[in-house]
Amino acid sequence: MHCEKLNYEDLYRESLDNPEAFWGKAAKGIRWERKWDCVLDNSHSPFVKWFSGAVLNTCYNAVDFHVENGRGTQNAVIYDSPVTDTIREFTYAELKARVSRIAGFLKELWVVKGDTVLIYMPMIPETRMAMLTPVMFIGRPPTWAGKWGTLTLCMAHCCRAPRPSSSKVSRSAHLIPGHSGA
């Protein structure tokens, strides 16, 4: 987090004594689309806002950043399921390619910024990939529910103008069947 060599107790004390400076310094290690107006806004105490005014692309920081900085061949996800006796590994480059492919699929369904995306999938690596996808191009995380069972992806298109009539997609929810596990 910091370049200096500090032990846990020093970092912990710093985070308590001056949280705004501590987290402001830590946040410099993240790429921001728009930097914050203030690190800690406690003008409506006891309700506080951290990094108010900032815009952050979580998918970029979780995936693309690592590919761009030479870690593309390093493992990003290691899936180890004792239930199915399955181990699968995905590099940052593979993760980026898969997330981009899912993003293309959602764009084909005319999902755009402002839409609500509900992801209902079993606990498999593709769930994480699907969760990163809306953040990549819609700009906000999806509503998420996970359960062992059939892979289901639902798009809810609310309060928007109708899409072109040639669409195979209804304006309500639709289900895309998948597979049931790893």
N, C-alpha and C. Protein backbone atom coordinates (compact mmCIF):
# COMPACT_ATOMS: atom_id res chain seq x y z
N MET A 1 0.83 -1.19 0.00
CA MET A 1 0.00 0.00 0.00
C MET A 1 0.87 1.25 0.00
N HIS A 2 1.80 1.35 0.92
CA HIS A 2 2.72 2.48 0.97
C HIS A 2 4.11 1.99 0.60
N CYS A 3 4.93 2.88 0.09
CA CYS A 3 6.28 2.49 -0.29
C CYS A 3 7.16 2.30 0.92
N GLU A 4 6.89 3.07 1.99
CA GLU A 4 7.72 2.94 3.18
C GLU A 4 7.50 1.58 3.82
N LYS A 5 8.52 1.13 4.54
CA LYS A 5 8.40 -0.13 5.27
C LYS A 5 7.86 0.18 6.65
N LEU A 6 6.57 -0.05 6.83
CA LEU A 6 5.94 0.15 8.13
C LEU A 6 5.34 -1.17 8.57
N ASN A 7 5.34 -1.37 9.85
CA ASN A 7 4.70 -2.60 10.33
C ASN A 7 3.20 -2.38 10.49
N TYR A 8 2.50 -3.44 10.74
CA TYR A 8 1.05 -3.41 10.82
C TYR A 8 0.56 -2.41 11.86
N GLU A 9 1.18 -2.43 13.03
CA GLU A 9 0.73 -1.54 14.11
C GLU A 9 0.85 -0.07 13.73
N ASP A 10 1.95 0.30 13.04
CA ASP A 10 2.13 1.69 12.60
C ASP A 10 1.06 2.08 11.58
N LEU A 11 0.80 1.19 10.63
CA LEU A 11 -0.23 1.47 9.62
C LEU A 11 -1.61 1.58 10.26
N TYR A 12 -1.89 0.67 11.17
CA TYR A 12 -3.19 0.69 11.84
C TYR A 12 -3.37 1.99 12.62
N ARG A 13 -2.34 2.39 13.37
CA ARG A 13 -2.42 3.63 14.16
C ARG A 13 -2.61 4.83 13.23
N GLU A 14 -1.87 4.86 12.11
CA GLU A 14 -2.01 5.96 11.16
C GLU A 14 -3.43 6.03 10.60
N SER A 15 -4.02 4.86 10.32
CA SER A 15 -5.38 4.84 9.76
C SER A 15 -6.40 5.37 10.76
N LEU A 16 -6.15 5.19 12.05
CA LEU A 16 -7.06 5.69 13.07
C LEU A 16 -6.81 7.16 13.40
N ASP A 17 -5.54 7.55 13.47
CA ASP A 17 -5.19 8.92 13.85
C ASP A 17 -5.53 9.93 12.77
N ASN A 18 -5.32 9.56 11.52
CA ASN A 18 -5.59 10.48 10.42
C ASN A 18 -6.13 9.70 9.22
N PRO A 19 -7.39 9.25 9.30
CA PRO A 19 -7.93 8.41 8.22
C PRO A 19 -7.95 9.09 6.86
N GLU A 20 -8.20 10.38 6.83
CA GLU A 20 -8.27 11.08 5.54
C GLU A 20 -6.91 11.04 4.83
N ALA A 21 -5.84 11.34 5.54
CA ALA A 21 -4.50 11.31 4.94
C ALA A 21 -4.10 9.88 4.59
N PHE A 22 -4.39 8.93 5.48
CA PHE A 22 -4.03 7.53 5.27
C PHE A 22 -4.67 6.98 4.01
N TRP A 23 -6.01 7.13 3.90
CA TRP A 23 -6.71 6.56 2.75
C TRP A 23 -6.49 7.38 1.49
N GLY A 24 -6.23 8.67 1.62
CA GLY A 24 -5.87 9.49 0.46
C GLY A 24 -4.57 9.02 -0.16
N LYS A 25 -3.59 8.69 0.70
CA LYS A 25 -2.32 8.16 0.23
C LYS A 25 -2.51 6.78 -0.41
N ALA A 26 -3.30 5.94 0.22
CA ALA A 26 -3.55 4.59 -0.31
C ALA A 26 -4.26 4.65 -1.66
N ALA A 27 -5.17 5.61 -1.83
CA ALA A 27 -5.96 5.72 -3.06
C ALA A 27 -5.14 6.14 -4.26
N LYS A 28 -3.94 6.65 -4.03
CA LYS A 28 -3.08 7.05 -5.15
C LYS A 28 -2.61 5.84 -5.95
N GLY A 29 -2.72 4.64 -5.39
CA GLY A 29 -2.33 3.43 -6.10
C GLY A 29 -3.42 2.89 -7.01
N ILE A 30 -4.54 3.60 -7.10
CA ILE A 30 -5.68 3.18 -7.92
C ILE A 30 -5.86 4.19 -9.04
N ARG A 31 -6.24 3.72 -10.22
CA ARG A 31 -6.52 4.63 -11.33
C ARG A 31 -7.96 5.12 -11.20
N TRP A 32 -8.12 6.43 -11.17
CA TRP A 32 -9.43 7.06 -11.04
C TRP A 32 -9.80 7.69 -12.37
N GLU A 33 -11.06 7.53 -12.77
CA GLU A 33 -11.57 8.22 -13.96
C GLU A 33 -11.66 9.72 -13.65
N ARG A 34 -12.07 10.01 -12.44
CA ARG A 34 -12.16 11.39 -11.96
C ARG A 34 -11.74 11.38 -10.50
N LYS A 35 -10.78 12.22 -10.13
CA LYS A 35 -10.30 12.27 -8.76
C LYS A 35 -11.37 12.88 -7.84
N TRP A 36 -11.32 12.52 -6.60
CA TRP A 36 -12.28 12.95 -5.59
C TRP A 36 -12.16 14.44 -5.29
N ASP A 37 -13.27 15.00 -4.82
CA ASP A 37 -13.27 16.38 -4.34
C ASP A 37 -12.68 16.44 -2.93
N CYS A 38 -13.04 15.46 -2.12
CA CYS A 38 -12.43 15.32 -0.80
C CYS A 38 -12.44 13.84 -0.42
N VAL A 39 -11.42 13.43 0.33
CA VAL A 39 -11.30 12.03 0.71
C VAL A 39 -12.43 11.62 1.65
N LEU A 40 -12.65 12.39 2.68
CA LEU A 40 -13.67 12.07 3.68
C LEU A 40 -14.59 13.26 3.87
N ASP A 41 -15.83 13.10 3.49
CA ASP A 41 -16.84 14.15 3.66
C ASP A 41 -17.72 13.76 4.84
N ASN A 42 -17.50 14.41 5.97
CA ASN A 42 -18.33 14.12 7.15
C ASN A 42 -19.21 15.32 7.49
N SER A 43 -19.62 16.06 6.47
CA SER A 43 -20.46 17.24 6.68
C SER A 43 -21.87 16.87 7.12
N HIS A 44 -22.27 15.60 6.97
CA HIS A 44 -23.58 15.14 7.40
C HIS A 44 -23.41 14.03 8.43
N SER A 45 -22.50 14.25 9.36
CA SER A 45 -22.20 13.25 10.38
C SER A 45 -23.47 12.88 11.14
N PRO A 46 -23.69 11.65 11.47
CA PRO A 46 -22.76 10.53 11.48
C PRO A 46 -22.64 9.82 10.14
N PHE A 47 -23.32 10.31 9.09
CA PHE A 47 -23.23 9.70 7.78
C PHE A 47 -22.07 10.33 7.03
N VAL A 48 -21.14 9.51 6.57
CA VAL A 48 -19.96 10.03 5.89
C VAL A 48 -19.91 9.49 4.46
N LYS A 49 -19.20 10.20 3.61
CA LYS A 49 -18.95 9.75 2.24
C LYS A 49 -17.45 9.73 2.03
N TRP A 50 -16.97 8.62 1.51
CA TRP A 50 -15.56 8.50 1.18
C TRP A 50 -15.37 8.82 -0.30
N PHE A 51 -14.35 9.58 -0.61
CA PHE A 51 -13.96 9.91 -1.98
C PHE A 51 -15.14 10.50 -2.76
N SER A 52 -15.84 11.45 -2.16
CA SER A 52 -17.00 12.05 -2.82
C SER A 52 -16.56 12.79 -4.09
N GLY A 53 -17.38 12.62 -5.11
CA GLY A 53 -17.10 13.22 -6.41
C GLY A 53 -16.22 12.39 -7.31
N ALA A 54 -15.65 11.32 -6.78
CA ALA A 54 -14.73 10.49 -7.58
C ALA A 54 -15.50 9.52 -8.47
N VAL A 55 -14.88 9.15 -9.57
CA VAL A 55 -15.42 8.13 -10.46
C VAL A 55 -14.32 7.09 -10.64
N LEU A 56 -14.70 5.83 -10.45
CA LEU A 56 -13.75 4.73 -10.47
C LEU A 56 -14.29 3.62 -11.35
N ASN A 57 -13.45 3.05 -12.21
CA ASN A 57 -13.83 1.89 -13.00
C ASN A 57 -13.19 0.67 -12.35
N THR A 58 -13.99 -0.07 -11.61
CA THR A 58 -13.50 -1.23 -10.86
C THR A 58 -12.92 -2.28 -11.78
N CYS A 59 -13.57 -2.53 -12.90
CA CYS A 59 -13.08 -3.55 -13.83
C CYS A 59 -11.70 -3.19 -14.34
N TYR A 60 -11.48 -1.95 -14.69
CA TYR A 60 -10.16 -1.54 -15.16
C TYR A 60 -9.11 -1.81 -14.09
N ASN A 61 -9.39 -1.41 -12.85
CA ASN A 61 -8.42 -1.59 -11.77
C ASN A 61 -8.21 -3.06 -11.42
N ALA A 62 -9.23 -3.87 -11.58
CA ALA A 62 -9.12 -5.28 -11.22
C ALA A 62 -8.51 -6.13 -12.32
N VAL A 63 -8.64 -5.70 -13.58
CA VAL A 63 -8.20 -6.55 -14.69
C VAL A 63 -7.24 -5.82 -15.63
N ASP A 64 -7.72 -4.83 -16.35
CA ASP A 64 -6.94 -4.16 -17.40
C ASP A 64 -5.62 -3.59 -16.88
N PHE A 65 -5.65 -2.98 -15.71
CA PHE A 65 -4.44 -2.40 -15.11
C PHE A 65 -3.32 -3.42 -15.04
N HIS A 66 -3.66 -4.63 -14.62
CA HIS A 66 -2.64 -5.67 -14.46
C HIS A 66 -2.10 -6.14 -15.82
N VAL A 67 -2.98 -6.23 -16.82
CA VAL A 67 -2.53 -6.62 -18.16
C VAL A 67 -1.59 -5.55 -18.70
N GLU A 68 -1.98 -4.29 -18.57
CA GLU A 68 -1.18 -3.18 -19.09
C GLU A 68 0.17 -3.04 -18.38
N ASN A 69 0.27 -3.56 -17.16
CA ASN A 69 1.50 -3.43 -16.39
C ASN A 69 2.29 -4.73 -16.32
N GLY A 70 2.15 -5.57 -17.35
CA GLY A 70 2.99 -6.74 -17.51
C GLY A 70 2.62 -7.96 -16.70
N ARG A 71 1.43 -8.01 -16.14
CA ARG A 71 1.02 -9.17 -15.35
C ARG A 71 -0.01 -10.03 -16.07
N GLY A 72 -0.13 -9.86 -17.38
CA GLY A 72 -1.12 -10.59 -18.17
C GLY A 72 -1.02 -12.10 -18.08
N THR A 73 0.19 -12.61 -17.91
CA THR A 73 0.36 -14.07 -17.84
C THR A 73 0.27 -14.61 -16.41
N GLN A 74 0.12 -13.74 -15.45
CA GLN A 74 -0.02 -14.16 -14.04
C GLN A 74 -1.46 -14.57 -13.76
N ASN A 75 -1.64 -15.55 -12.88
CA ASN A 75 -2.99 -15.99 -12.53
C ASN A 75 -3.76 -14.87 -11.84
N ALA A 76 -4.98 -14.65 -12.30
CA ALA A 76 -5.88 -13.67 -11.69
C ALA A 76 -6.93 -14.38 -10.85
N VAL A 77 -7.39 -15.54 -11.31
CA VAL A 77 -8.42 -16.31 -10.63
C VAL A 77 -7.96 -17.77 -10.56
N ILE A 78 -8.01 -18.32 -9.37
CA ILE A 78 -7.77 -19.75 -9.20
C ILE A 78 -9.03 -20.32 -8.55
N TYR A 79 -9.73 -21.13 -9.30
CA TYR A 79 -10.98 -21.73 -8.84
C TYR A 79 -10.67 -23.14 -8.37
N ASP A 80 -10.96 -23.41 -7.10
CA ASP A 80 -10.68 -24.72 -6.51
C ASP A 80 -11.95 -25.18 -5.80
N SER A 81 -12.68 -26.07 -6.44
CA SER A 81 -13.95 -26.53 -5.88
C SER A 81 -13.81 -27.94 -5.31
N PRO A 82 -13.91 -28.07 -3.98
CA PRO A 82 -13.91 -29.41 -3.39
C PRO A 82 -15.20 -30.16 -3.71
N VAL A 83 -16.25 -29.44 -4.04
CA VAL A 83 -17.54 -30.07 -4.35
C VAL A 83 -17.46 -30.84 -5.67
N THR A 84 -16.87 -30.22 -6.69
CA THR A 84 -16.78 -30.85 -8.00
C THR A 84 -15.39 -31.41 -8.29
N ASP A 85 -14.48 -31.26 -7.31
CA ASP A 85 -13.10 -31.71 -7.47
C ASP A 85 -12.48 -31.11 -8.74
N THR A 86 -12.66 -29.79 -8.89
CA THR A 86 -12.22 -29.07 -10.07
C THR A 86 -11.27 -27.94 -9.68
N ILE A 87 -10.18 -27.82 -10.40
CA ILE A 87 -9.29 -26.68 -10.25
C ILE A 87 -9.13 -26.06 -11.63
N ARG A 88 -9.42 -24.76 -11.72
CA ARG A 88 -9.26 -24.02 -12.98
C ARG A 88 -8.52 -22.73 -12.69
N GLU A 89 -7.64 -22.35 -13.60
CA GLU A 89 -6.85 -21.12 -13.44
C GLU A 89 -7.05 -20.22 -14.65
N PHE A 90 -7.12 -18.92 -14.39
CA PHE A 90 -7.30 -17.92 -15.45
C PHE A 90 -6.29 -16.81 -15.24
N THR A 91 -5.53 -16.46 -16.28
CA THR A 91 -4.59 -15.35 -16.19
C THR A 91 -5.35 -14.04 -16.34
N TYR A 92 -4.67 -12.94 -16.04
CA TYR A 92 -5.30 -11.63 -16.23
C TYR A 92 -5.67 -11.42 -17.69
N ALA A 93 -4.84 -11.85 -18.61
CA ALA A 93 -5.15 -11.69 -20.04
C ALA A 93 -6.37 -12.51 -20.42
N GLU A 94 -6.46 -13.74 -19.93
CA GLU A 94 -7.64 -14.58 -20.20
C GLU A 94 -8.89 -13.96 -19.58
N LEU A 95 -8.75 -13.46 -18.37
CA LEU A 95 -9.88 -12.82 -17.69
C LEU A 95 -10.37 -11.61 -18.48
N LYS A 96 -9.44 -10.79 -18.95
CA LYS A 96 -9.81 -9.61 -19.75
C LYS A 96 -10.54 -10.03 -21.02
N ALA A 97 -10.04 -11.07 -21.70
CA ALA A 97 -10.67 -11.53 -22.94
C ALA A 97 -12.08 -12.06 -22.68
N ARG A 98 -12.24 -12.81 -21.60
CA ARG A 98 -13.56 -13.38 -21.29
C ARG A 98 -14.55 -12.30 -20.86
N VAL A 99 -14.09 -11.35 -20.05
CA VAL A 99 -14.97 -10.25 -19.62
C VAL A 99 -15.38 -9.43 -20.84
N SER A 100 -14.45 -9.19 -21.76
CA SER A 100 -14.76 -8.44 -22.99
C SER A 100 -15.77 -9.19 -23.84
N ARG A 101 -15.64 -10.50 -23.90
CA ARG A 101 -16.60 -11.30 -24.68
C ARG A 101 -18.00 -11.23 -24.09
N ILE A 102 -18.09 -11.32 -22.76
CA ILE A 102 -19.40 -11.20 -22.10
C ILE A 102 -19.96 -9.80 -22.32
N ALA A 103 -19.09 -8.78 -22.28
CA ALA A 103 -19.54 -7.40 -22.53
C ALA A 103 -20.12 -7.28 -23.94
N GLY A 104 -19.48 -7.93 -24.91
CA GLY A 104 -20.01 -7.92 -26.28
C GLY A 104 -21.37 -8.57 -26.36
N PHE A 105 -21.54 -9.65 -25.63
CA PHE A 105 -22.83 -10.34 -25.57
C PHE A 105 -23.91 -9.41 -25.01
N LEU A 106 -23.59 -8.71 -23.92
CA LEU A 106 -24.57 -7.80 -23.33
C LEU A 106 -24.88 -6.63 -24.26
N LYS A 107 -23.86 -6.14 -24.97
CA LYS A 107 -24.10 -5.05 -25.93
C LYS A 107 -25.02 -5.51 -27.05
N GLU A 108 -24.89 -6.78 -27.47
CA GLU A 108 -25.79 -7.31 -28.49
C GLU A 108 -27.23 -7.33 -28.00
N LEU A 109 -27.41 -7.40 -26.69
CA LEU A 109 -28.75 -7.37 -26.10
C LEU A 109 -29.19 -5.93 -25.82
N TRP A 110 -28.42 -4.96 -26.30
CA TRP A 110 -28.70 -3.54 -26.14
C TRP A 110 -28.69 -3.08 -24.69
N VAL A 111 -27.87 -3.70 -23.88
CA VAL A 111 -27.69 -3.21 -22.51
C VAL A 111 -26.81 -1.98 -22.59
N VAL A 112 -27.25 -0.90 -21.97
CA VAL A 112 -26.50 0.36 -22.01
C VAL A 112 -26.39 0.94 -20.61
N LYS A 113 -25.59 1.97 -20.49
CA LYS A 113 -25.40 2.65 -19.22
C LYS A 113 -26.76 3.07 -18.67
N GLY A 114 -26.99 2.77 -17.40
CA GLY A 114 -28.26 3.08 -16.77
C GLY A 114 -29.17 1.88 -16.63
N ASP A 115 -28.92 0.82 -17.42
CA ASP A 115 -29.72 -0.40 -17.30
C ASP A 115 -29.38 -1.13 -16.01
N THR A 116 -30.31 -1.93 -15.58
CA THR A 116 -30.08 -2.80 -14.43
C THR A 116 -29.77 -4.19 -14.95
N VAL A 117 -28.70 -4.77 -14.45
CA VAL A 117 -28.30 -6.12 -14.85
C VAL A 117 -28.35 -7.00 -13.60
N LEU A 118 -29.11 -8.08 -13.70
CA LEU A 118 -29.20 -9.04 -12.61
C LEU A 118 -28.48 -10.30 -13.03
N ILE A 119 -27.53 -10.73 -12.22
CA ILE A 119 -26.77 -11.94 -12.53
C ILE A 119 -27.14 -13.00 -11.49
N TYR A 120 -27.59 -14.13 -11.98
CA TYR A 120 -27.98 -15.24 -11.12
C TYR A 120 -27.26 -16.48 -11.64
N MET A 121 -26.19 -16.85 -10.98
CA MET A 121 -25.33 -17.92 -11.47
C MET A 121 -24.79 -18.74 -10.30
N PRO A 122 -24.32 -19.95 -10.59
CA PRO A 122 -23.67 -20.74 -9.55
C PRO A 122 -22.30 -20.13 -9.22
N MET A 123 -21.69 -20.58 -8.18
CA MET A 123 -20.39 -20.06 -7.76
C MET A 123 -19.27 -20.71 -8.58
N ILE A 124 -19.10 -20.20 -9.79
CA ILE A 124 -18.07 -20.67 -10.72
C ILE A 124 -17.28 -19.44 -11.18
N PRO A 125 -16.11 -19.63 -11.80
CA PRO A 125 -15.31 -18.47 -12.23
C PRO A 125 -16.05 -17.53 -13.17
N GLU A 126 -16.91 -18.07 -14.02
CA GLU A 126 -17.64 -17.23 -14.96
C GLU A 126 -18.57 -16.24 -14.25
N THR A 127 -18.96 -16.54 -13.02
CA THR A 127 -19.78 -15.60 -12.25
C THR A 127 -19.00 -14.33 -11.98
N ARG A 128 -17.75 -14.47 -11.57
CA ARG A 128 -16.91 -13.29 -11.33
C ARG A 128 -16.72 -12.51 -12.62
N MET A 129 -16.53 -13.21 -13.72
CA MET A 129 -16.35 -12.54 -15.01
C MET A 129 -17.61 -11.77 -15.39
N ALA A 130 -18.76 -12.39 -15.19
CA ALA A 130 -20.03 -11.73 -15.50
C ALA A 130 -20.26 -10.52 -14.59
N MET A 131 -19.79 -10.59 -13.36
CA MET A 131 -19.96 -9.47 -12.43
C MET A 131 -19.08 -8.29 -12.83
N LEU A 132 -17.92 -8.53 -13.41
CA LEU A 132 -17.04 -7.45 -13.84
C LEU A 132 -17.55 -6.78 -15.11
N THR A 133 -18.27 -7.51 -15.93
CA THR A 133 -18.69 -7.02 -17.23
C THR A 133 -19.54 -5.75 -17.18
N PRO A 134 -20.63 -5.70 -16.38
CA PRO A 134 -21.41 -4.46 -16.37
C PRO A 134 -20.60 -3.26 -15.91
N VAL A 135 -19.67 -3.48 -14.99
CA VAL A 135 -18.83 -2.40 -14.52
C VAL A 135 -17.97 -1.88 -15.65
N MET A 136 -17.56 -2.79 -16.55
CA MET A 136 -16.69 -2.43 -17.67
C MET A 136 -17.36 -1.41 -18.59
N PHE A 137 -18.62 -1.63 -18.93
CA PHE A 137 -19.20 -0.72 -19.93
C PHE A 137 -20.49 -0.04 -19.50
N ILE A 138 -21.10 -0.45 -18.42
CA ILE A 138 -22.28 0.26 -17.92
C ILE A 138 -21.86 1.27 -16.87
N GLY A 139 -20.78 0.95 -16.16
CA GLY A 139 -20.24 1.89 -15.19
C GLY A 139 -20.75 1.69 -13.78
N ARG A 140 -21.46 0.61 -13.53
CA ARG A 140 -21.88 0.33 -12.16
C ARG A 140 -21.97 -1.18 -11.98
N PRO A 141 -21.81 -1.63 -10.75
CA PRO A 141 -21.85 -3.07 -10.52
C PRO A 141 -23.26 -3.61 -10.70
N PRO A 142 -23.36 -4.90 -11.04
CA PRO A 142 -24.68 -5.50 -11.22
C PRO A 142 -25.34 -5.84 -9.90
N THR A 143 -26.65 -6.06 -9.95
CA THR A 143 -27.34 -6.69 -8.83
C THR A 143 -27.00 -8.16 -8.95
N TRP A 144 -26.62 -8.78 -7.86
CA TRP A 144 -26.08 -10.12 -7.96
C TRP A 144 -26.73 -11.06 -6.98
N ALA A 145 -26.99 -12.27 -7.44
CA ALA A 145 -27.45 -13.35 -6.57
C ALA A 145 -26.78 -14.62 -7.06
N GLY A 146 -26.24 -15.39 -6.16
CA GLY A 146 -25.58 -16.62 -6.57
C GLY A 146 -26.19 -17.82 -5.90
N LYS A 147 -26.28 -18.93 -6.62
CA LYS A 147 -26.84 -20.15 -6.08
C LYS A 147 -26.35 -21.29 -6.96
N TRP A 148 -26.09 -22.44 -6.37
CA TRP A 148 -25.76 -23.60 -7.17
C TRP A 148 -26.99 -23.99 -7.97
N GLY A 149 -26.83 -24.19 -9.23
CA GLY A 149 -27.97 -24.55 -10.07
C GLY A 149 -27.74 -24.08 -11.48
N THR A 150 -28.80 -23.90 -12.20
CA THR A 150 -28.72 -23.53 -13.61
C THR A 150 -28.24 -22.10 -13.76
N LEU A 151 -27.37 -21.92 -14.73
CA LEU A 151 -26.86 -20.59 -15.05
C LEU A 151 -27.99 -19.75 -15.65
N THR A 152 -28.23 -18.62 -15.05
CA THR A 152 -29.30 -17.75 -15.54
C THR A 152 -28.80 -16.32 -15.55
N LEU A 153 -29.04 -15.61 -16.61
CA LEU A 153 -28.67 -14.22 -16.70
C LEU A 153 -29.92 -13.44 -17.10
N CYS A 154 -30.26 -12.47 -16.30
CA CYS A 154 -31.47 -11.70 -16.55
C CYS A 154 -31.10 -10.25 -16.78
N MET A 155 -31.70 -9.63 -17.75
CA MET A 155 -31.55 -8.21 -17.96
C MET A 155 -32.91 -7.57 -17.72
N ALA A 156 -32.95 -6.58 -16.89
CA ALA A 156 -34.18 -5.84 -16.68
C ALA A 156 -34.01 -4.47 -17.32
N HIS A 157 -34.83 -4.16 -18.27
CA HIS A 157 -34.77 -2.88 -18.94
C HIS A 157 -35.94 -2.05 -18.45
N CYS A 158 -35.66 -1.15 -17.55
CA CYS A 158 -36.73 -0.40 -16.90
C CYS A 158 -36.70 1.06 -17.34
N CYS A 159 -37.87 1.64 -17.43
CA CYS A 159 -38.02 3.08 -17.63
C CYS A 159 -37.21 3.61 -18.81
N ARG A 160 -37.27 2.94 -19.94
CA ARG A 160 -36.55 3.41 -21.11
C ARG A 160 -37.42 3.29 -22.34
N ALA A 161 -37.01 3.98 -23.37
CA ALA A 161 -37.74 3.88 -24.62
C ALA A 161 -37.58 2.47 -25.19
N PRO A 162 -38.57 2.00 -25.94
CA PRO A 162 -38.46 0.65 -26.52
C PRO A 162 -37.27 0.54 -27.46
N ARG A 163 -36.71 -0.63 -27.54
CA ARG A 163 -35.61 -0.92 -28.44
C ARG A 163 -36.20 -1.20 -29.83
N PRO A 164 -35.37 -1.28 -30.86
CA PRO A 164 -35.89 -1.56 -32.20
C PRO A 164 -36.72 -2.83 -32.22
N SER A 165 -37.77 -2.83 -33.04
CA SER A 165 -38.70 -3.97 -33.07
C SER A 165 -38.06 -5.24 -33.60
N SER A 166 -36.93 -5.14 -34.28
CA SER A 166 -36.28 -6.33 -34.81
C SER A 166 -35.52 -7.09 -33.72
N SER A 167 -35.55 -6.55 -32.52
CA SER A 167 -34.81 -7.17 -31.42
C SER A 167 -35.39 -8.52 -31.03
N LYS A 168 -34.51 -9.45 -30.69
CA LYS A 168 -34.94 -10.73 -30.15
C LYS A 168 -35.14 -10.62 -28.65
N VAL A 169 -34.86 -9.45 -28.11
CA VAL A 169 -34.90 -9.22 -26.68
C VAL A 169 -36.19 -8.51 -26.29
N SER A 170 -36.87 -9.02 -25.29
CA SER A 170 -38.07 -8.33 -24.82
C SER A 170 -37.67 -7.24 -23.85
N ARG A 171 -38.57 -6.28 -23.64
CA ARG A 171 -38.26 -5.19 -22.71
C ARG A 171 -38.35 -5.65 -21.27
N SER A 172 -39.01 -6.74 -21.01
CA SER A 172 -39.06 -7.25 -19.64
C SER A 172 -37.81 -8.12 -19.42
N ALA A 173 -37.92 -9.09 -18.57
CA ALA A 173 -36.76 -9.95 -18.28
C ALA A 173 -36.71 -11.10 -19.27
N HIS A 174 -35.54 -11.61 -19.52
CA HIS A 174 -35.37 -12.78 -20.35
C HIS A 174 -34.30 -13.66 -19.75
N LEU A 175 -34.35 -14.92 -20.01
CA LEU A 175 -33.44 -15.89 -19.42
C LEU A 175 -32.60 -16.53 -20.50
N ILE A 176 -31.35 -16.69 -20.21
CA ILE A 176 -30.45 -17.36 -21.12
C ILE A 176 -29.99 -18.64 -20.44
N PRO A 177 -30.39 -19.81 -20.91
CA PRO A 177 -29.99 -21.04 -20.23
C PRO A 177 -28.50 -21.29 -20.45
N GLY A 178 -27.90 -21.90 -19.48
CA GLY A 178 -26.46 -22.20 -19.56
C GLY A 178 -26.20 -23.59 -19.06
N HIS A 179 -25.18 -23.69 -18.24
CA HIS A 179 -24.83 -24.98 -17.70
C HIS A 179 -24.93 -24.94 -16.19
N SER A 180 -24.83 -26.10 -15.55
CA SER A 180 -25.11 -26.16 -14.12
C SER A 180 -23.87 -26.24 -13.25
N GLY A 181 -22.70 -26.12 -13.78
CA GLY A 181 -21.52 -26.16 -12.92
C GLY A 181 -20.24 -26.14 -13.70
N ALA A 182 -19.16 -26.38 -12.98
CA ALA A 182 -17.83 -26.29 -13.58
C ALA A 182 -17.54 -27.39 -14.46
